[in-house]
Amino acid sequence: MAEIINLRQARKQKARAEKEARADENRIAFGRTKAEKNLTKAQQDLAQSRLDQHKRDDSEKP
């Protein structure tokens, strides 16, 4: 026989799980020290700079 499920409780439980997952993501994104944020920013800037250095300059076409 199938188990009886209260849909209201199931919806609330699912909403709680989604809210907790979102909170975990926010903890990772915003729960960092200033030094960690600066290090990440410097790494991103360096990667962008290296990418820009490899771009071709097509403005010198005849």
C-alpha atoms as a PDB file:
ATOM      1  CA  MET A   1       0.000   0.000   0.000  1.00  0.00           C
ATOM      2  CA  ALA A   2       1.226   3.508  -0.761  1.00  0.00           C
ATOM      3  CA  GLU A   3       2.348   5.844   1.971  1.00  0.00           C
ATOM      4  CA  ILE A   4       0.056   8.793   2.648  1.00  0.00           C
ATOM      5  CA  ILE A   5       1.814  12.140   2.297  1.00  0.00           C
ATOM      6  CA  ASN A   6       0.582  15.484   3.574  1.00  0.00           C
ATOM      7  CA  LEU A   7       1.185  17.799   0.598  1.00  0.00           C
ATOM      8  CA  ARG A   8       1.236  20.950   2.709  1.00  0.00           C
ATOM      9  CA  GLN A   9       4.051  19.570   4.854  1.00  0.00           C
ATOM     10  CA  ALA A  10       5.902  18.297   1.771  1.00  0.00           C
ATOM     11  CA  ARG A  11       5.767  21.765   0.157  1.00  0.00           C
ATOM     12  CA  LYS A  12       7.025  23.417   3.334  1.00  0.00           C
ATOM     13  CA  GLN A  13       9.840  20.888   3.650  1.00  0.00           C
ATOM     14  CA  LYS A  14      10.874  21.476   0.024  1.00  0.00           C
ATOM     15  CA  ALA A  15      10.806  25.263   0.541  1.00  0.00           C
ATOM     16  CA  ARG A  16      12.982  24.918   3.644  1.00  0.00           C
ATOM     17  CA  ALA A  17      15.510  22.804   1.735  1.00  0.00           C
ATOM     18  CA  GLU A  18      15.667  25.341  -1.114  1.00  0.00           C
ATOM     19  CA  LYS A  19      16.079  28.207   1.348  1.00  0.00           C
ATOM     20  CA  GLU A  20      18.925  26.370   3.098  1.00  0.00           C
ATOM     21  CA  ALA A  21      20.656  25.693  -0.231  1.00  0.00           C
ATOM     22  CA  ARG A  22      20.396  29.388  -1.141  1.00  0.00           C
ATOM     23  CA  ALA A  23      21.797  30.311   2.282  1.00  0.00           C
ATOM     24  CA  ASP A  24      24.770  27.986   1.718  1.00  0.00           C
ATOM     25  CA  GLU A  25      25.498  29.684  -1.613  1.00  0.00           C
ATOM     26  CA  ASN A  26      25.305  33.112   0.029  1.00  0.00           C
ATOM     27  CA  ARG A  27      27.638  32.014   2.816  1.00  0.00           C
ATOM     28  CA  ILE A  28      30.202  31.055   0.202  1.00  0.00           C
ATOM     29  CA  ALA A  29      29.769  34.221  -1.847  1.00  0.00           C
ATOM     30  CA  PHE A  30      29.516  36.805   0.925  1.00  0.00           C
ATOM     31  CA  GLY A  31      31.078  35.149   3.965  1.00  0.00           C
ATOM     32  CA  ARG A  32      34.675  35.816   2.955  1.00  0.00           C
ATOM     33  CA  THR A  33      37.273  38.060   4.507  1.00  0.00           C
ATOM     34  CA  LYS A  34      38.427  41.236   2.795  1.00  0.00           C
ATOM     35  CA  ALA A  35      41.795  39.631   2.041  1.00  0.00           C
ATOM     36  CA  GLU A  36      40.093  36.693   0.311  1.00  0.00           C
ATOM     37  CA  LYS A  37      37.947  39.059  -1.751  1.00  0.00           C
ATOM     38  CA  ASN A  38      41.016  41.096  -2.755  1.00  0.00           C
ATOM     39  CA  LEU A  39      42.916  37.937  -3.729  1.00  0.00           C
ATOM     40  CA  THR A  40      40.033  36.716  -5.894  1.00  0.00           C
ATOM     41  CA  LYS A  41      39.732  40.136  -7.542  1.00  0.00           C
ATOM     42  CA  ALA A  42      43.472  40.227  -8.275  1.00  0.00           C
ATOM     43  CA  GLN A  43      43.350  36.734  -9.791  1.00  0.00           C
ATOM     44  CA  GLN A  44      40.406  37.694 -12.002  1.00  0.00           C
ATOM     45  CA  ASP A  45      42.149  40.886 -13.117  1.00  0.00           C
ATOM     46  CA  LEU A  46      45.319  38.947 -13.968  1.00  0.00           C
ATOM     47  CA  ALA A  47      43.367  36.368 -15.964  1.00  0.00           C
ATOM     48  CA  GLN A  48      41.516  39.113 -17.868  1.00  0.00           C
ATOM     49  CA  SER A  49      44.779  40.933 -18.557  1.00  0.00           C
ATOM     50  CA  ARG A  50      46.392  37.778 -19.943  1.00  0.00           C
ATOM     51  CA  LEU A  51      43.359  37.150 -22.120  1.00  0.00           C
ATOM     52  CA  ASP A  52      43.447  40.720 -23.441  1.00  0.00           C
ATOM     53  CA  GLN A  53      47.136  40.348 -24.304  1.00  0.00           C
ATOM     54  CA  HIS A  54      46.340  37.467 -26.639  1.00  0.00           C
ATOM     55  CA  LYS A  55      43.696  39.325 -28.615  1.00  0.00           C
ATOM     56  CA  ARG A  56      44.472  40.134 -32.209  1.00  0.00           C
ATOM     57  CA  ASP A  57      44.517  43.718 -33.378  1.00  0.00           C
ATOM     58  CA  ASP A  58      42.598  43.747 -36.664  1.00  0.00           C
ATOM     59  CA  SER A  59      42.667  47.519 -37.052  1.00  0.00           C
ATOM     60  CA  GLU A  60      45.809  47.377 -39.260  1.00  0.00           C
ATOM     61  CA  LYS A  61      44.121  45.718 -42.235  1.00  0.00           C
ATOM     62  CA  PRO A  62      45.062  47.192 -45.668  1.00  0.00           C
END
